[in-house]
Structure formats: structure tokens, C-alpha cells
Amino acid sequence: MNETPARVLAIAGSDSGGGAGIQADLKTMLALGVHGMTVVCAVTAQNSVGVQGYWELPPEAVAAQLDSVLDDIGAQAIKTGMLASAQIVRTVSARLATVDAPVVVDPVAVSKHGDSLLSPGAIDALTNALLPLATVVTPNLLEAELLTGAPIADEAQMRVAADRIAALGPAWVLVKGGHLPGYPVDLLRAPDGEVIRYPGRRIASRHTHGTGCTLASAIASHLAMGADVPSAVESAKEYVTGAIDGGFALGAGIGPVDHGWRIRQPVA
């Protein structure tokens, strides 16, 4: 009998353009060798130029999907993305509180194009109900500002934001600095307050749709395979850097990162 791969559950919204959301989660998980499963919380009408609309699923549909997957198959790691509403956040949080698996929270609030992906009250629910359950939370600078209520313009302010977000309950906080000028750096705050720097390189590409979803799913995948958090973040960043390097034009706007970049590499 073939060995069953590690299992990762993505709880998020769909992206009809295929670059972010549930679609990006599943592509990332396949590329990294784990079995991806899904709980769809919202459906978007979305393409390379923006989000034209989104529709939340009823909370009972979200709860039924969670029970269906977790009661039968289980998961060795869980990743949350676009949860859309306060009620869905609370529904997801109540179920995850009963699960013994690492949880990676991508606090998706705004799309790459600047479109809001959360209804009023969802940030408060995420802060109070979901973040205390998180093994790792992965805000970009805008999301970190929403969670802390303070502007972030440099690495020192990223460190302050990481401390403030840690006070909300997550074990590890990864503040992503890709939107800062100059060479980007991500900061991972450990439970003891130590901060690990992950310097990156600036890639000259506008085709970065799905970067946040991809990184969080990659971290969850490596956690499911047994990596510790710093190693999972390092491996996930290496994968995402390659995906951004391979980003391609799609439609008239911002194209996606290339989730299959390793497959497309020429064989020596």
C-alpha cells in the first residue's frame, strides 16, 4: 500500500482567476508533496485586474465542511485565509479549538488590488477568537497595521508590531516586510520574544498575485511534514521566492506567482 502523505487543510475563499485563495493553497501543497484539503468560506469573482464581488457561504456550510474533513481524514496542519465575516471567523475558531494540529493564520483583509475581503466586525473576531489559536500568524504590513492600529514604515516598527500582535495570543508572529522600500526583510517573533530576520531580495516583477496565500500554505505544509516553525518559514520563503521569480503575465493586470516553478525547471 502506498504511504499516505501529510495532510493540510486550507480554510479560505476561492479565486476564480486561479492565482490566490484556495486554488493557490492546493497548488502549493501539491508542489510541496502534501495532500491538500479545503473548506471554502467564500466565493469570489476575481481576475487579474481586481475582485468584482464575493459571496460568503452560510456558517453552517463552513461548519459542515470542517466536520466532514476533520472527523474522517484529519489534518497535520491547518491554514486559514479569507474568512470573510465575523460569524465565519467564530465558526472556524470554535472548531479549531478542538483540533490538535498547528494552525497558520493568514489574516487576509485586502486583495492584491486593494479590494476589501472582510465584512465589518471580522477583524475584531479574528483578533479575539482566531489569533489566540494560531501557531503562526503571517500578516503583511497593511494587515499588521490593521491588527495593531499603528503605522509601519521601517524594520523597527515591524518589531514593535510583532510584539503587539504576539500580545493578542499567537505563538509565533511573522511580519512580512515585502512592501518596505529597499531590500525586503521578514521578521519572525518567537514565543520567548526573540526575533529571527529573514532577509530577501527584491524581484523586479509585478506578477505577485497569491504571494501571501502561497507563503502561509507553504509554512503549513512544512509544519505538517514535521519541521519546526523557523525551519518551516525558511523553506517556505525559498519556495515563494522561486514562485515570484517565475511569476507570469495573465490577463490585463497583475499575474500570479508560479506555483509549479520547480516542475518547470529544466532537467540537467
C-alpha atoms as a PDB file:
ATOM      1  CA  MET A   1       0.000   0.000   0.000  1.00  0.00           C
ATOM      2  CA  ASN A   2       1.279   3.476  -0.843  1.00  0.00           C
ATOM      3  CA  GLU A   3       2.202   5.695   2.074  1.00  0.00           C
ATOM      4  CA  THR A   4      -0.300   8.458   2.824  1.00  0.00           C
ATOM      5  CA  PRO A   5       1.305  11.915   2.560  1.00  0.00           C
ATOM      6  CA  ALA A   6       0.993  14.550   5.242  1.00  0.00           C
ATOM      7  CA  ARG A   7      -2.416  16.255   5.176  1.00  0.00           C
ATOM      8  CA  VAL A   8      -3.015  20.014   5.240  1.00  0.00           C
ATOM      9  CA  LEU A   9      -6.421  21.694   5.439  1.00  0.00           C
ATOM     10  CA  ALA A  10      -6.915  25.122   3.848  1.00  0.00           C
ATOM     11  CA  ILE A  11      -9.837  27.183   5.154  1.00  0.00           C
ATOM     12  CA  ALA A  12     -10.263  30.144   2.835  1.00  0.00           C
ATOM     13  CA  GLY A  13     -12.050  31.734  -0.095  1.00  0.00           C
ATOM     14  CA  SER A  14     -11.787  30.788  -3.738  1.00  0.00           C
ATOM     15  CA  ASP A  15     -10.123  32.810  -6.500  1.00  0.00           C
ATOM     16  CA  SER A  16     -11.821  32.315  -9.847  1.00  0.00           C
ATOM     17  CA  GLY A  17      -8.648  33.559 -11.566  1.00  0.00           C
ATOM     18  CA  GLY A  18      -6.654  30.707 -10.025  1.00  0.00           C
ATOM     19  CA  GLY A  19      -3.788  32.743  -8.580  1.00  0.00           C
ATOM     20  CA  ALA A  20      -4.671  33.093  -4.897  1.00  0.00           C
ATOM     21  CA  GLY A  21      -7.043  31.681  -2.295  1.00  0.00           C
ATOM     22  CA  ILE A  22      -7.990  28.014  -2.201  1.00  0.00           C
ATOM     23  CA  GLN A  23      -6.573  27.484  -5.680  1.00  0.00           C
ATOM     24  CA  ALA A  24      -3.134  28.771  -4.661  1.00  0.00           C
ATOM     25  CA  ASP A  25      -3.279  26.743  -1.456  1.00  0.00           C
ATOM     26  CA  LEU A  26      -3.870  23.472  -3.291  1.00  0.00           C
ATOM     27  CA  LYS A  27      -1.206  24.191  -5.922  1.00  0.00           C
ATOM     28  CA  THR A  28       1.331  24.967  -3.202  1.00  0.00           C
ATOM     29  CA  MET A  29       0.500  21.842  -1.241  1.00  0.00           C
ATOM     30  CA  LEU A  30       0.804  19.644  -4.316  1.00  0.00           C
ATOM     31  CA  ALA A  31       4.129  21.233  -5.243  1.00  0.00           C
ATOM     32  CA  LEU A  32       5.491  20.558  -1.748  1.00  0.00           C
ATOM     33  CA  GLY A  33       4.308  16.964  -1.567  1.00  0.00           C
ATOM     34  CA  VAL A  34       1.421  17.089   0.908  1.00  0.00           C
ATOM     35  CA  HIS A  35      -2.253  16.242   0.445  1.00  0.00           C
ATOM     36  CA  GLY A  36      -4.348  19.397   0.392  1.00  0.00           C
ATOM     37  CA  MET A  37      -7.960  19.587   1.578  1.00  0.00           C
ATOM     38  CA  THR A  38     -10.321  22.545   1.637  1.00  0.00           C
ATOM     39  CA  VAL A  39     -13.073  24.317   3.496  1.00  0.00           C
ATOM     40  CA  VAL A  40     -14.471  27.029   1.222  1.00  0.00           C
ATOM     41  CA  CYS A  41     -15.705  30.072   3.152  1.00  0.00           C
ATOM     42  CA  ALA A  42     -16.455  32.437   0.282  1.00  0.00           C
ATOM     43  CA  VAL A  43     -16.584  32.507  -3.497  1.00  0.00           C
ATOM     44  CA  THR A  44     -15.046  35.431  -5.350  1.00  0.00           C
ATOM     45  CA  ALA A  45     -15.472  36.791  -8.844  1.00  0.00           C
ATOM     46  CA  GLN A  46     -11.844  37.712  -9.359  1.00  0.00           C
ATOM     47  CA  ASN A  47      -9.363  38.137 -12.179  1.00  0.00           C
ATOM     48  CA  SER A  48      -6.041  39.840 -12.853  1.00  0.00           C
ATOM     49  CA  VAL A  49      -7.462  43.359 -12.511  1.00  0.00           C
ATOM     50  CA  GLY A  50      -9.418  43.004  -9.269  1.00  0.00           C
ATOM     51  CA  VAL A  51     -12.202  41.464  -7.247  1.00  0.00           C
ATOM     52  CA  GLN A  52     -15.584  42.138  -8.808  1.00  0.00           C
ATOM     53  CA  GLY A  53     -17.536  40.592  -5.932  1.00  0.00           C
ATOM     54  CA  TYR A  54     -17.590  37.936  -3.237  1.00  0.00           C
ATOM     55  CA  TRP A  55     -20.276  35.837  -1.616  1.00  0.00           C
ATOM     56  CA  GLU A  56     -19.968  34.253   1.814  1.00  0.00           C
ATOM     57  CA  LEU A  57     -21.082  30.698   2.399  1.00  0.00           C
ATOM     58  CA  PRO A  58     -23.549  30.146   5.241  1.00  0.00           C
ATOM     59  CA  PRO A  59     -21.713  29.433   8.518  1.00  0.00           C
ATOM     60  CA  GLU A  60     -23.453  26.063   8.732  1.00  0.00           C
ATOM     61  CA  ALA A  61     -21.919  25.107   5.358  1.00  0.00           C
ATOM     62  CA  VAL A  62     -18.482  26.071   6.664  1.00  0.00           C
ATOM     63  CA  ALA A  63     -19.057  24.070   9.858  1.00  0.00           C
ATOM     64  CA  ALA A  64     -20.239  21.041   7.872  1.00  0.00           C
ATOM     65  CA  GLN A  65     -17.115  21.082   5.705  1.00  0.00           C
ATOM     66  CA  LEU A  66     -14.903  21.331   8.785  1.00  0.00           C
ATOM     67  CA  ASP A  67     -16.624  18.405  10.476  1.00  0.00           C
ATOM     68  CA  SER A  68     -16.595  16.320   7.312  1.00  0.00           C
ATOM     69  CA  VAL A  69     -12.852  16.617   6.787  1.00  0.00           C
ATOM     70  CA  LEU A  70     -11.622  16.652  10.368  1.00  0.00           C
ATOM     71  CA  ASP A  71     -13.843  13.865  11.712  1.00  0.00           C
ATOM     72  CA  ASP A  72     -12.829  11.427   8.976  1.00  0.00           C
ATOM     73  CA  ILE A  73      -9.471  12.392   7.458  1.00  0.00           C
ATOM     74  CA  GLY A  74      -7.898  14.718   9.996  1.00  0.00           C
ATOM     75  CA  ALA A  75      -5.096  17.172   9.332  1.00  0.00           C
ATOM     76  CA  GLN A  76      -1.484  17.503  10.390  1.00  0.00           C
ATOM     77  CA  ALA A  77      -1.585  21.260   9.809  1.00  0.00           C
ATOM     78  CA  ILE A  78      -4.260  23.848   9.091  1.00  0.00           C
ATOM     79  CA  LYS A  79      -4.044  27.119   7.182  1.00  0.00           C
ATOM     80  CA  THR A  80      -6.685  29.856   7.271  1.00  0.00           C
ATOM     81  CA  GLY A  81      -7.036  32.617   4.713  1.00  0.00           C
ATOM     82  CA  MET A  82     -10.028  34.712   3.645  1.00  0.00           C
ATOM     83  CA  LEU A  83     -12.756  34.050   6.213  1.00  0.00           C
ATOM     84  CA  ALA A  84     -14.970  36.929   5.018  1.00  0.00           C
ATOM     85  CA  SER A  85     -17.174  37.590   8.075  1.00  0.00           C
ATOM     86  CA  ALA A  86     -17.164  37.707  11.853  1.00  0.00           C
ATOM     87  CA  GLN A  87     -19.635  34.825  12.032  1.00  0.00           C
ATOM     88  CA  ILE A  88     -17.455  32.603   9.848  1.00  0.00           C
ATOM     89  CA  VAL A  89     -14.368  33.529  11.882  1.00  0.00           C
ATOM     90  CA  ARG A  90     -16.165  32.485  15.063  1.00  0.00           C
ATOM     91  CA  THR A  91     -17.434  29.265  13.470  1.00  0.00           C
ATOM     92  CA  VAL A  92     -13.950  28.310  12.311  1.00  0.00           C
ATOM     93  CA  SER A  93     -12.362  29.276  15.623  1.00  0.00           C
ATOM     94  CA  ALA A  94     -14.783  27.184  17.662  1.00  0.00           C
ATOM     95  CA  ARG A  95     -13.946  24.072  15.638  1.00  0.00           C
ATOM     96  CA  LEU A  96     -10.186  24.667  15.526  1.00  0.00           C
ATOM     97  CA  ALA A  97     -10.135  24.983  19.316  1.00  0.00           C
ATOM     98  CA  THR A  98     -10.870  21.234  19.394  1.00  0.00           C
ATOM     99  CA  VAL A  99      -8.081  20.234  16.973  1.00  0.00           C
ATOM    100  CA  ASP A 100      -4.536  19.259  17.944  1.00  0.00           C
ATOM    101  CA  ALA A 101      -2.627  20.486  14.896  1.00  0.00           C
ATOM    102  CA  PRO A 102      -0.545  23.579  14.113  1.00  0.00           C
ATOM    103  CA  VAL A 103      -2.620  26.447  12.723  1.00  0.00           C
ATOM    104  CA  VAL A 104      -1.177  29.018  10.314  1.00  0.00           C
ATOM    105  CA  VAL A 105      -3.329  32.146  10.126  1.00  0.00           C
ATOM    106  CA  ASP A 106      -3.006  34.382   7.092  1.00  0.00           C
ATOM    107  CA  PRO A 107      -5.129  37.369   8.203  1.00  0.00           C
ATOM    108  CA  VAL A 108      -6.375  38.210   4.720  1.00  0.00           C
ATOM    109  CA  ALA A 109      -8.108  41.571   4.740  1.00  0.00           C
ATOM    110  CA  VAL A 110      -7.415  43.186   1.362  1.00  0.00           C
ATOM    111  CA  SER A 111      -6.660  41.725  -2.058  1.00  0.00           C
ATOM    112  CA  LYS A 112      -3.507  42.483  -4.064  1.00  0.00           C
ATOM    113  CA  HIS A 113      -5.587  45.045  -5.954  1.00  0.00           C
ATOM    114  CA  GLY A 114      -6.749  46.839  -2.799  1.00  0.00           C
ATOM    115  CA  ASP A 115     -10.228  45.313  -2.629  1.00  0.00           C
ATOM    116  CA  SER A 116     -11.621  44.602   0.840  1.00  0.00           C
ATOM    117  CA  LEU A 117     -12.174  40.902   1.583  1.00  0.00           C
ATOM    118  CA  LEU A 118     -13.654  41.238   5.074  1.00  0.00           C
ATOM    119  CA  SER A 119     -17.062  42.409   6.234  1.00  0.00           C
ATOM    120  CA  PRO A 120     -17.361  44.830   9.201  1.00  0.00           C
ATOM    121  CA  GLY A 121     -16.509  43.239  12.528  1.00  0.00           C
ATOM    122  CA  ALA A 122     -14.398  40.445  11.072  1.00  0.00           C
ATOM    123  CA  ILE A 123     -11.097  41.957  12.234  1.00  0.00           C
ATOM    124  CA  ASP A 124     -12.346  42.076  15.827  1.00  0.00           C
ATOM    125  CA  ALA A 125     -13.494  38.454  15.631  1.00  0.00           C
ATOM    126  CA  LEU A 126     -10.200  37.393  14.105  1.00  0.00           C
ATOM    127  CA  THR A 127      -8.273  39.232  16.832  1.00  0.00           C
ATOM    128  CA  ASN A 128     -10.324  37.870  19.719  1.00  0.00           C
ATOM    129  CA  ALA A 129     -11.245  34.356  18.576  1.00  0.00           C
ATOM    130  CA  LEU A 130      -8.742  33.088  15.994  1.00  0.00           C
ATOM    131  CA  LEU A 131      -5.365  34.638  16.790  1.00  0.00           C
ATOM    132  CA  PRO A 132      -5.146  33.007  20.243  1.00  0.00           C
ATOM    133  CA  LEU A 133      -5.336  29.623  18.460  1.00  0.00           C
ATOM    134  CA  ALA A 134      -2.593  30.408  15.928  1.00  0.00           C
ATOM    135  CA  THR A 135       0.723  28.624  15.896  1.00  0.00           C
ATOM    136  CA  VAL A 136       1.918  31.222  13.376  1.00  0.00           C
ATOM    137  CA  VAL A 137       0.224  34.360  12.070  1.00  0.00           C
ATOM    138  CA  THR A 138       1.590  35.863   8.842  1.00  0.00           C
ATOM    139  CA  PRO A 139       0.459  39.491   8.353  1.00  0.00           C
ATOM    140  CA  ASN A 140       1.876  41.723   5.661  1.00  0.00           C
ATOM    141  CA  LEU A 141       2.457  45.348   6.604  1.00  0.00           C
ATOM    142  CA  LEU A 142      -1.089  46.505   5.858  1.00  0.00           C
ATOM    143  CA  GLU A 143      -2.568  43.618   7.831  1.00  0.00           C
ATOM    144  CA  ALA A 144      -0.159  44.250  10.701  1.00  0.00           C
ATOM    145  CA  GLU A 145      -1.282  47.887  10.751  1.00  0.00           C
ATOM    146  CA  LEU A 146      -4.924  46.790  10.880  1.00  0.00           C
ATOM    147  CA  LEU A 147      -4.193  44.425  13.779  1.00  0.00           C
ATOM    148  CA  THR A 148      -2.178  46.957  15.779  1.00  0.00           C
ATOM    149  CA  GLY A 149      -3.701  50.282  14.771  1.00  0.00           C
ATOM    150  CA  ALA A 150      -0.231  51.739  14.202  1.00  0.00           C
ATOM    151  CA  PRO A 151       1.657  52.666  11.011  1.00  0.00           C
ATOM    152  CA  ILE A 152       4.701  50.635   9.952  1.00  0.00           C
ATOM    153  CA  ALA A 153       7.386  52.346   7.889  1.00  0.00           C
ATOM    154  CA  ASP A 154      10.617  50.575   8.835  1.00  0.00           C
ATOM    155  CA  GLU A 155      12.077  47.458  10.435  1.00  0.00           C
ATOM    156  CA  ALA A 156      11.998  48.924  13.934  1.00  0.00           C
ATOM    157  CA  GLN A 157       8.253  49.474  13.657  1.00  0.00           C
ATOM    158  CA  MET A 158       7.879  45.925  12.314  1.00  0.00           C
ATOM    159  CA  ARG A 159       9.444  44.660  15.561  1.00  0.00           C
ATOM    160  CA  VAL A 160       7.041  46.732  17.634  1.00  0.00           C
ATOM    161  CA  ALA A 161       4.115  45.419  15.589  1.00  0.00           C
ATOM    162  CA  ALA A 162       5.288  41.829  16.085  1.00  0.00           C
ATOM    163  CA  ASP A 163       5.292  42.352  19.867  1.00  0.00           C
ATOM    164  CA  ARG A 164       1.825  43.891  19.812  1.00  0.00           C
ATOM    165  CA  ILE A 165       0.398  41.097  17.682  1.00  0.00           C
ATOM    166  CA  ALA A 166       2.035  38.474  19.927  1.00  0.00           C
ATOM    167  CA  ALA A 167       0.159  40.017  22.846  1.00  0.00           C
ATOM    168  CA  LEU A 168      -3.075  39.010  21.070  1.00  0.00           C
ATOM    169  CA  GLY A 169      -2.249  35.343  21.591  1.00  0.00           C
ATOM    170  CA  PRO A 170      -0.474  33.678  18.640  1.00  0.00           C
ATOM    171  CA  ALA A 171       2.639  31.671  19.488  1.00  0.00           C
ATOM    172  CA  TRP A 172       4.759  32.932  16.574  1.00  0.00           C
ATOM    173  CA  VAL A 173       4.351  36.133  14.540  1.00  0.00           C
ATOM    174  CA  LEU A 174       5.788  36.540  11.045  1.00  0.00           C
ATOM    175  CA  VAL A 175       5.590  40.169   9.911  1.00  0.00           C
ATOM    176  CA  LYS A 176       6.275  40.324   6.183  1.00  0.00           C
ATOM    177  CA  GLY A 177       8.236  43.355   5.012  1.00  0.00           C
ATOM    178  CA  GLY A 178       7.970  42.945   1.259  1.00  0.00           C
ATOM    179  CA  HIS A 179       6.273  46.333   0.870  1.00  0.00           C
ATOM    180  CA  LEU A 180       9.083  48.284   2.527  1.00  0.00           C
ATOM    181  CA  PRO A 181      11.476  50.158   0.227  1.00  0.00           C
ATOM    182  CA  GLY A 182      14.939  48.723  -0.334  1.00  0.00           C
ATOM    183  CA  TYR A 183      15.801  45.113   0.367  1.00  0.00           C
ATOM    184  CA  PRO A 184      12.871  43.297   1.967  1.00  0.00           C
ATOM    185  CA  VAL A 185      13.104  41.517   5.292  1.00  0.00           C
ATOM    186  CA  ASP A 186      10.595  39.380   7.150  1.00  0.00           C
ATOM    187  CA  LEU A 187      10.677  39.185  10.954  1.00  0.00           C
ATOM    188  CA  LEU A 188       9.667  36.074  12.882  1.00  0.00           C
ATOM    189  CA  ARG A 189       8.955  36.666  16.566  1.00  0.00           C
ATOM    190  CA  ALA A 190       9.337  33.565  18.719  1.00  0.00           C
ATOM    191  CA  PRO A 191       7.229  32.849  21.817  1.00  0.00           C
ATOM    192  CA  ASP A 192      10.132  33.998  24.041  1.00  0.00           C
ATOM    193  CA  GLY A 193      10.366  37.341  22.215  1.00  0.00           C
ATOM    194  CA  GLU A 194      13.451  36.509  20.159  1.00  0.00           C
ATOM    195  CA  VAL A 195      13.264  37.858  16.608  1.00  0.00           C
ATOM    196  CA  ILE A 196      14.682  35.976  13.621  1.00  0.00           C
ATOM    197  CA  ARG A 197      15.394  38.013  10.478  1.00  0.00           C
ATOM    198  CA  TYR A 198      14.787  36.558   7.032  1.00  0.00           C
ATOM    199  CA  PRO A 199      16.351  38.973   4.543  1.00  0.00           C
ATOM    200  CA  GLY A 200      15.185  38.607   0.958  1.00  0.00           C
ATOM    201  CA  ARG A 201      15.965  40.054  -2.421  1.00  0.00           C
ATOM    202  CA  ARG A 202      13.888  42.465  -4.421  1.00  0.00           C
ATOM    203  CA  ILE A 203      12.498  40.743  -7.514  1.00  0.00           C
ATOM    204  CA  ALA A 204      11.589  43.001 -10.403  1.00  0.00           C
ATOM    205  CA  SER A 205       8.165  41.573 -11.184  1.00  0.00           C
ATOM    206  CA  ARG A 206       4.636  42.932 -10.913  1.00  0.00           C
ATOM    207  CA  HIS A 207       3.206  39.425 -11.174  1.00  0.00           C
ATOM    208  CA  THR A 208       2.920  38.637  -7.466  1.00  0.00           C
ATOM    209  CA  HIS A 209      -0.748  37.708  -7.104  1.00  0.00           C
ATOM    210  CA  GLY A 210      -1.158  34.992  -4.471  1.00  0.00           C
ATOM    211  CA  THR A 211       2.110  35.560  -2.628  1.00  0.00           C
ATOM    212  CA  GLY A 212       0.588  35.680   0.870  1.00  0.00           C
ATOM    213  CA  CYS A 213      -1.656  32.650   0.402  1.00  0.00           C
ATOM    214  CA  THR A 214       1.258  30.718  -1.056  1.00  0.00           C
ATOM    215  CA  LEU A 215       3.639  31.535   1.784  1.00  0.00           C
ATOM    216  CA  ALA A 216       1.152  30.595   4.515  1.00  0.00           C
ATOM    217  CA  SER A 217       0.266  27.340   2.752  1.00  0.00           C
ATOM    218  CA  ALA A 218       3.945  26.519   2.298  1.00  0.00           C
ATOM    219  CA  ILE A 219       4.598  27.098   6.010  1.00  0.00           C
ATOM    220  CA  ALA A 220       1.654  24.845   6.910  1.00  0.00           C
ATOM    221  CA  SER A 221       2.918  22.178   4.510  1.00  0.00           C
ATOM    222  CA  HIS A 222       6.367  22.090   6.080  1.00  0.00           C
ATOM    223  CA  LEU A 223       4.887  22.043   9.595  1.00  0.00           C
ATOM    224  CA  ALA A 224       2.744  19.073   8.558  1.00  0.00           C
ATOM    225  CA  MET A 225       5.894  17.294   7.414  1.00  0.00           C
ATOM    226  CA  GLY A 226       7.495  17.775  10.817  1.00  0.00           C
ATOM    227  CA  ALA A 227       9.563  20.955  10.510  1.00  0.00           C
ATOM    228  CA  ASP A 228       9.808  23.390  13.402  1.00  0.00           C
ATOM    229  CA  VAL A 229       8.487  26.905  12.831  1.00  0.00           C
ATOM    230  CA  PRO A 230      11.764  28.696  11.941  1.00  0.00           C
ATOM    231  CA  SER A 231      12.713  25.916   9.504  1.00  0.00           C
ATOM    232  CA  ALA A 232       9.215  25.871   8.007  1.00  0.00           C
ATOM    233  CA  VAL A 233       9.370  29.633   7.431  1.00  0.00           C
ATOM    234  CA  GLU A 234      12.824  29.399   5.859  1.00  0.00           C
ATOM    235  CA  SER A 235      11.783  26.600   3.493  1.00  0.00           C
ATOM    236  CA  ALA A 236       8.522  28.350   2.634  1.00  0.00           C
ATOM    237  CA  LYS A 237      10.344  31.586   1.810  1.00  0.00           C
ATOM    238  CA  GLU A 238      12.706  29.723  -0.512  1.00  0.00           C
ATOM    239  CA  TYR A 239       9.738  28.212  -2.343  1.00  0.00           C
ATOM    240  CA  VAL A 240       7.863  31.525  -2.561  1.00  0.00           C
ATOM    241  CA  THR A 241      10.956  33.359  -3.829  1.00  0.00           C
ATOM    242  CA  GLY A 242      11.181  30.894  -6.697  1.00  0.00           C
ATOM    243  CA  ALA A 243       7.460  31.274  -7.343  1.00  0.00           C
ATOM    244  CA  ILE A 244       7.765  35.079  -7.509  1.00  0.00           C
ATOM    245  CA  ASP A 245      10.784  34.734  -9.804  1.00  0.00           C
ATOM    246  CA  GLY A 246       8.610  32.645 -12.103  1.00  0.00           C
ATOM    247  CA  GLY A 247       5.565  34.939 -11.960  1.00  0.00           C
ATOM    248  CA  PHE A 248       3.930  35.394 -15.337  1.00  0.00           C
ATOM    249  CA  ALA A 249       1.527  37.715 -17.128  1.00  0.00           C
ATOM    250  CA  LEU A 250      -2.103  36.654 -17.107  1.00  0.00           C
ATOM    251  CA  GLY A 251      -4.915  38.866 -18.329  1.00  0.00           C
ATOM    252  CA  ALA A 252      -4.633  42.642 -18.326  1.00  0.00           C
ATOM    253  CA  GLY A 253      -3.471  43.162 -14.730  1.00  0.00           C
ATOM    254  CA  ILE A 254      -1.337  41.510 -12.062  1.00  0.00           C
ATOM    255  CA  GLY A 255      -0.361  37.944 -12.931  1.00  0.00           C
ATOM    256  CA  PRO A 256       0.164  35.120 -10.432  1.00  0.00           C
ATOM    257  CA  VAL A 257       3.302  33.654  -8.965  1.00  0.00           C
ATOM    258  CA  ASP A 258       4.306  30.322 -10.484  1.00  0.00           C
ATOM    259  CA  HIS A 259       3.372  27.584  -8.044  1.00  0.00           C
ATOM    260  CA  GLY A 260       4.840  24.975 -10.371  1.00  0.00           C
ATOM    261  CA  TRP A 261       8.239  26.622 -10.865  1.00  0.00           C
ATOM    262  CA  ARG A 262      10.156  23.599  -9.644  1.00  0.00           C
ATOM    263  CA  ILE A 263       8.341  21.378 -12.131  1.00  0.00           C
ATOM    264  CA  ARG A 264       9.179  23.797 -14.942  1.00  0.00           C
ATOM    265  CA  GLN A 265      12.895  23.905 -14.194  1.00  0.00           C
ATOM    266  CA  PRO A 266      14.888  22.238 -16.993  1.00  0.00           C
ATOM    267  CA  VAL A 267      16.301  18.839 -16.140  1.00  0.00           C
ATOM    268  CA  ALA A 268      20.122  18.910 -16.097  1.00  0.00           C
END
